[in-house]
Structures are given as structure tokens and as C-alpha cells.
Amino acid sequence: MGQGIDLVREHAPEHAALLDNFKDQLLLVLIARLGGDVTIPVAEVDATGNMLLSMSLDPEKRQFHFVLGRKQ
């Protein structure tokens, strides 16, 4: 998600700021769902280089849906 936001930043800084805030909120929600206290080894973060996160929105249910995949 970070690279996509950077591409938008020059032409639509308000949209980039909105997405940056969204990422912060998303992290808060995910940590809360995991019990509010999470420890992640550096090696696990480093190992995400070949992963992609896809996101969609279901407006009827007012829900976000995230799917973790692999880069090809």
C-alpha cells in the first residue's frame, strides 16, 4: 500500500493523507483484534517482501475485506 500512496502524493496530497491516516487506523484495529498487545520478531517483518495485501470494500455490509497474497 505504501508505494501506491507515494505515487498519489504529488498529484493528490489530500488523498495521500487520507490513506496514511487509514493505515494508522487499520493497524490500531488489527492490534486490538489480537488482544491489544502484540510482539513481532524483526525477521518476520523482513520476510514480508514477497507479500501483497489486497483490500476491497463491501458498501452494503459496511465492511473492509483484506486478503494476503504473494507477489508473482
Protein backbone atom coordinates (compact mmCIF):
# COMPACT_ATOMS: atom_id res chain seq x y z
CA MET A 1 0.00 0.00 0.00
CA GLY A 2 2.86 2.39 0.73
CA GLN A 3 4.18 2.64 -2.83
CA GLY A 4 0.73 3.37 -4.22
CA ILE A 5 0.25 6.17 -1.72
CA ASP A 6 3.61 7.68 -2.69
CA LEU A 7 2.54 7.74 -6.36
CA VAL A 8 -0.57 9.74 -5.44
CA ARG A 9 1.14 12.13 -3.01
CA GLU A 10 2.37 14.67 -5.61
CA HIS A 11 -0.90 14.98 -7.52
CA ALA A 12 -3.44 14.47 -4.73
CA PRO A 13 -1.82 15.18 -1.36
CA GLU A 14 -5.19 15.22 0.43
CA HIS A 15 -5.94 11.70 -0.79
CA ALA A 16 -2.47 10.50 0.24
CA ALA A 17 -3.00 11.97 3.72
CA LEU A 18 -6.37 10.22 3.97
CA LEU A 19 -4.77 6.89 3.05
CA ASP A 20 -1.92 7.43 5.53
CA ASN A 21 -4.49 8.02 8.28
CA PHE A 22 -6.42 4.95 7.17
CA LYS A 23 -3.29 2.80 7.51
CA ASP A 24 -2.83 4.07 11.06
CA GLN A 25 -6.44 3.27 11.94
CA LEU A 26 -6.18 -0.15 10.32
CA LEU A 27 -3.13 -1.00 12.40
CA LEU A 28 -4.97 0.04 15.57
CA VAL A 29 -7.96 -2.18 14.72
CA LEU A 30 -5.78 -5.19 13.89
CA ILE A 31 -3.76 -4.89 17.11
CA ALA A 32 -7.00 -4.52 19.09
CA ARG A 33 -8.36 -7.69 17.45
CA LEU A 34 -5.20 -9.53 18.51
CA GLY A 35 -5.77 -8.60 22.14
CA GLY A 36 -4.05 -5.23 22.27
CA ASP A 37 -0.51 -6.46 22.91
CA VAL A 38 1.49 -7.96 20.02
CA THR A 39 5.21 -8.77 19.67
CA ILE A 40 6.58 -9.41 16.18
CA PRO A 41 10.15 -10.57 15.51
CA VAL A 42 12.14 -8.41 13.08
CA ALA A 43 12.80 -11.50 10.93
CA GLU A 44 9.05 -11.96 10.43
CA VAL A 45 8.67 -8.37 9.23
CA ASP A 46 11.69 -8.77 6.94
CA ALA A 47 10.11 -11.90 5.43
CA THR A 48 7.12 -9.97 4.03
CA GLY A 49 8.97 -8.72 0.93
CA ASN A 50 7.19 -11.15 -1.37
CA MET A 51 3.70 -10.49 0.02
CA LEU A 52 0.88 -8.30 -1.27
CA LEU A 53 -2.14 -7.04 0.61
CA SER A 54 -5.36 -6.62 -1.35
CA MET A 55 -8.29 -4.68 0.02
CA SER A 56 -11.91 -4.35 -1.03
CA LEU A 57 -14.97 -2.68 0.45
CA ASP A 58 -18.49 -4.05 0.72
CA PRO A 59 -20.62 -0.90 0.99
CA GLU A 60 -23.83 -2.82 1.75
CA LYS A 61 -22.29 -4.56 4.77
CA ARG A 62 -20.05 -1.54 5.56
CA GLN A 63 -17.06 -3.89 5.80
CA PHE A 64 -13.49 -3.93 4.55
CA HIS A 65 -12.08 -7.23 3.30
CA PHE A 66 -8.31 -7.92 3.24
CA VAL A 67 -6.53 -10.80 1.53
CA LEU A 68 -2.84 -11.56 1.88
CA GLY A 69 -1.21 -12.94 -1.26
CA ARG A 70 2.22 -13.44 -2.80
CA LYS A 71 3.95 -11.38 -5.45
CA GLN A 72 4.42 -13.24 -8.72
